Every structure is written in structure tokens, then in C-alpha cells.
Amino acid sequence: MGLIKACDMSDLEDGEIFKAEIEGEGALAIYLVDEEVFATADICTHGEASLSDDGYIEDGVVICSWHDGAFDFKTGEACRLPCMDPLKSYPTEVKDGEVFIKV
């Protein structure tokens, strides 16, 4: 696995979703929640919505506002219908104020 820089920690706000464009992976959604950083694919597996543009974090999940489906942003698992297929998730690492994605 290689590390690719996704963003700086200063780009992230707690409880918000940041979109990072990663060469070879496309758009990823980066989540800062309680000082932990998580990453998933940005596009909802049900309705093709951008989670960073059209989603929000609530009760430990990311909710796609298009159809109210939800995913566990820590694992990518679909956890509320109509979403059934998981999001691809990525391990993250923070070094010297920079966020890296393991691909």
C-alpha cells in the first residue's frame, strides 16, 4: 500500500465532509469526527450523489440527502436503506498536519 496526500488537517472541520481528488481513485470523502480522520469513496452507491456535496454526518453515519440512505463512514458499510452496497473505505494516516490515504 502506498500513501497519497489527500489534504491538510487545516482543510478539515469537525463534523464536516471534505472532498479530495486523488489521482487513480477519483473523488474521496474525508471526514473529521472527534479528532479522527476517515475516508470513503465520495459517490453514494445508490444514487450517484456526491457525499461531500450533498451528504451530512449525523449519529455516527454519513447520510446521503438524495434518498436518506446512510453509510458508516468508518467502514463504508451501508446501514440504512435504500443504500445496500458499501462504499469503498480507505485507511488514513496523519503526519505533520497532513492527511494521507493508503491505496
C-alpha atoms as a PDB file:
ATOM      1  CA  MET A   1       0.000   0.000   0.000  1.00  0.00           C
ATOM      2  CA  GLY A   2       1.165   3.472  -0.838  1.00  0.00           C
ATOM      3  CA  LEU A   3       0.391   6.745   0.881  1.00  0.00           C
ATOM      4  CA  ILE A   4      -1.106   9.606  -1.114  1.00  0.00           C
ATOM      5  CA  LYS A   5      -1.649  13.052   0.348  1.00  0.00           C
ATOM      6  CA  ALA A   6      -5.352  13.918   0.423  1.00  0.00           C
ATOM      7  CA  CYS A   7      -5.361  17.284   2.201  1.00  0.00           C
ATOM      8  CA  ASP A   8      -4.050  19.256   5.138  1.00  0.00           C
ATOM      9  CA  MET A   9      -5.680  18.941   8.554  1.00  0.00           C
ATOM     10  CA  SER A  10      -6.421  22.670   8.327  1.00  0.00           C
ATOM     11  CA  ASP A  11      -8.745  21.882   5.369  1.00  0.00           C
ATOM     12  CA  LEU A  12     -10.993  19.802   7.636  1.00  0.00           C
ATOM     13  CA  GLU A  13     -13.720  20.927  10.032  1.00  0.00           C
ATOM     14  CA  ASP A  14     -15.022  18.638  12.758  1.00  0.00           C
ATOM     15  CA  GLY A  15     -18.299  17.048  11.718  1.00  0.00           C
ATOM     16  CA  GLU A  16     -17.998  18.176   8.097  1.00  0.00           C
ATOM     17  CA  ILE A  17     -17.127  16.312   4.878  1.00  0.00           C
ATOM     18  CA  PHE A  18     -14.239  17.407   2.645  1.00  0.00           C
ATOM     19  CA  LYS A  19     -13.852  16.344  -0.988  1.00  0.00           C
ATOM     20  CA  ALA A  20     -10.364  15.295  -2.075  1.00  0.00           C
ATOM     21  CA  GLU A  21      -9.488  14.399  -5.658  1.00  0.00           C
ATOM     22  CA  ILE A  22      -6.997  11.530  -5.641  1.00  0.00           C
ATOM     23  CA  GLU A  23      -5.279  10.508  -8.862  1.00  0.00           C
ATOM     24  CA  GLY A  24      -6.215   6.945  -9.731  1.00  0.00           C
ATOM     25  CA  GLU A  25      -9.032   6.831  -7.130  1.00  0.00           C
ATOM     26  CA  GLY A  26     -11.231   9.779  -8.075  1.00  0.00           C
ATOM     27  CA  ALA A  27     -13.130  11.839  -5.536  1.00  0.00           C
ATOM     28  CA  LEU A  28     -12.950  10.760  -1.899  1.00  0.00           C
ATOM     29  CA  ALA A  29     -14.947  11.996   1.057  1.00  0.00           C
ATOM     30  CA  ILE A  30     -12.743  12.856   4.035  1.00  0.00           C
ATOM     31  CA  TYR A  31     -14.396  13.018   7.461  1.00  0.00           C
ATOM     32  CA  LEU A  32     -13.038  14.611  10.647  1.00  0.00           C
ATOM     33  CA  VAL A  33     -15.046  13.384  13.609  1.00  0.00           C
ATOM     34  CA  ASP A  34     -13.895  13.745  17.219  1.00  0.00           C
ATOM     35  CA  GLU A  35     -10.307  14.337  16.087  1.00  0.00           C
ATOM     36  CA  GLU A  36     -10.244  11.136  13.985  1.00  0.00           C
ATOM     37  CA  VAL A  37      -9.947  11.158  10.195  1.00  0.00           C
ATOM     38  CA  PHE A  38     -11.776   8.689   7.935  1.00  0.00           C
ATOM     39  CA  ALA A  39     -12.064   8.350   4.159  1.00  0.00           C
ATOM     40  CA  THR A  40     -14.503   6.716   1.772  1.00  0.00           C
ATOM     41  CA  ALA A  41     -15.423   6.947  -1.876  1.00  0.00           C
ATOM     42  CA  ASP A  42     -17.359  10.168  -2.403  1.00  0.00           C
ATOM     43  CA  ILE A  43     -20.175   8.835  -4.595  1.00  0.00           C
ATOM     44  CA  CYS A  44     -23.208   7.173  -2.986  1.00  0.00           C
ATOM     45  CA  THR A  45     -23.593   3.592  -4.204  1.00  0.00           C
ATOM     46  CA  HIS A  46     -27.354   4.014  -4.516  1.00  0.00           C
ATOM     47  CA  GLY A  47     -27.997   7.293  -6.275  1.00  0.00           C
ATOM     48  CA  GLU A  48     -24.689   8.638  -7.632  1.00  0.00           C
ATOM     49  CA  ALA A  49     -24.791  11.660  -5.292  1.00  0.00           C
ATOM     50  CA  SER A  50     -21.601  13.256  -4.009  1.00  0.00           C
ATOM     51  CA  LEU A  51     -21.498  12.701  -0.259  1.00  0.00           C
ATOM     52  CA  SER A  52     -19.168  15.657   0.244  1.00  0.00           C
ATOM     53  CA  ASP A  53     -21.528  17.957  -1.685  1.00  0.00           C
ATOM     54  CA  ASP A  54     -24.932  16.503  -0.781  1.00  0.00           C
ATOM     55  CA  GLY A  55     -24.352  14.465   2.372  1.00  0.00           C
ATOM     56  CA  TYR A  56     -24.051  15.200   6.073  1.00  0.00           C
ATOM     57  CA  ILE A  57     -22.874  13.478   9.240  1.00  0.00           C
ATOM     58  CA  GLU A  58     -25.420  12.524  11.877  1.00  0.00           C
ATOM     59  CA  ASP A  59     -25.320   9.959  14.707  1.00  0.00           C
ATOM     60  CA  GLY A  60     -22.067   8.348  13.551  1.00  0.00           C
ATOM     61  CA  VAL A  61     -23.047   7.870   9.901  1.00  0.00           C
ATOM     62  CA  VAL A  62     -22.933   9.833   6.676  1.00  0.00           C
ATOM     63  CA  ILE A  63     -26.377  10.411   5.225  1.00  0.00           C
ATOM     64  CA  CYS A  64     -26.964  10.897   1.534  1.00  0.00           C
ATOM     65  CA  SER A  65     -29.578  13.605   1.232  1.00  0.00           C
ATOM     66  CA  TRP A  66     -30.824  12.362  -2.140  1.00  0.00           C
ATOM     67  CA  HIS A  67     -32.728   9.366  -0.721  1.00  0.00           C
ATOM     68  CA  ASP A  68     -31.899   9.431   3.015  1.00  0.00           C
ATOM     69  CA  GLY A  69     -29.698   6.308   2.852  1.00  0.00           C
ATOM     70  CA  ALA A  70     -26.723   6.063   5.212  1.00  0.00           C
ATOM     71  CA  PHE A  71     -23.239   4.593   5.487  1.00  0.00           C
ATOM     72  CA  ASP A  72     -20.864   4.019   8.364  1.00  0.00           C
ATOM     73  CA  PHE A  73     -18.076   6.421   7.413  1.00  0.00           C
ATOM     74  CA  LYS A  74     -15.568   4.386   9.463  1.00  0.00           C
ATOM     75  CA  THR A  75     -16.083   1.175   7.469  1.00  0.00           C
ATOM     76  CA  GLY A  76     -18.065   2.172   4.385  1.00  0.00           C
ATOM     77  CA  GLU A  77     -20.837  -0.312   5.233  1.00  0.00           C
ATOM     78  CA  ALA A  78     -24.348   0.597   4.099  1.00  0.00           C
ATOM     79  CA  CYS A  79     -26.511   0.903   7.204  1.00  0.00           C
ATOM     80  CA  ARG A  80     -29.833   2.329   6.049  1.00  0.00           C
ATOM     81  CA  LEU A  81     -31.976   1.643   3.002  1.00  0.00           C
ATOM     82  CA  PRO A  82     -32.127   2.337   0.182  1.00  0.00           C
ATOM     83  CA  CYS A  83     -28.330   2.018   0.292  1.00  0.00           C
ATOM     84  CA  MET A  84     -27.310  -1.633   0.126  1.00  0.00           C
ATOM     85  CA  ASP A  85     -23.813  -1.679  -1.387  1.00  0.00           C
ATOM     86  CA  PRO A  86     -20.914  -0.446   0.749  1.00  0.00           C
ATOM     87  CA  LEU A  87     -18.673   2.481  -0.054  1.00  0.00           C
ATOM     88  CA  LYS A  88     -15.016   1.749  -0.626  1.00  0.00           C
ATOM     89  CA  SER A  89     -13.182   2.880   2.514  1.00  0.00           C
ATOM     90  CA  TYR A  90      -9.545   3.863   2.874  1.00  0.00           C
ATOM     91  CA  PRO A  91      -7.176   3.749   5.835  1.00  0.00           C
ATOM     92  CA  THR A  92      -5.888   7.200   6.758  1.00  0.00           C
ATOM     93  CA  GLU A  93      -2.742   8.454   8.389  1.00  0.00           C
ATOM     94  CA  VAL A  94      -1.984  11.931   9.712  1.00  0.00           C
ATOM     95  CA  LYS A  95       1.633  13.115   9.656  1.00  0.00           C
ATOM     96  CA  ASP A  96       2.853  16.608  10.426  1.00  0.00           C
ATOM     97  CA  GLY A  97      -0.565  18.156   9.838  1.00  0.00           C
ATOM     98  CA  GLU A  98      -1.151  16.371   6.539  1.00  0.00           C
ATOM     99  CA  VAL A  99      -3.761  13.677   5.811  1.00  0.00           C
ATOM    100  CA  PHE A 100      -2.669  10.681   3.759  1.00  0.00           C
ATOM    101  CA  ILE A 101      -4.784   7.920   2.250  1.00  0.00           C
ATOM    102  CA  LYS A 102      -3.489   4.379   1.951  1.00  0.00           C
ATOM    103  CA  VAL A 103      -4.204   2.975  -1.513  1.00  0.00           C
END
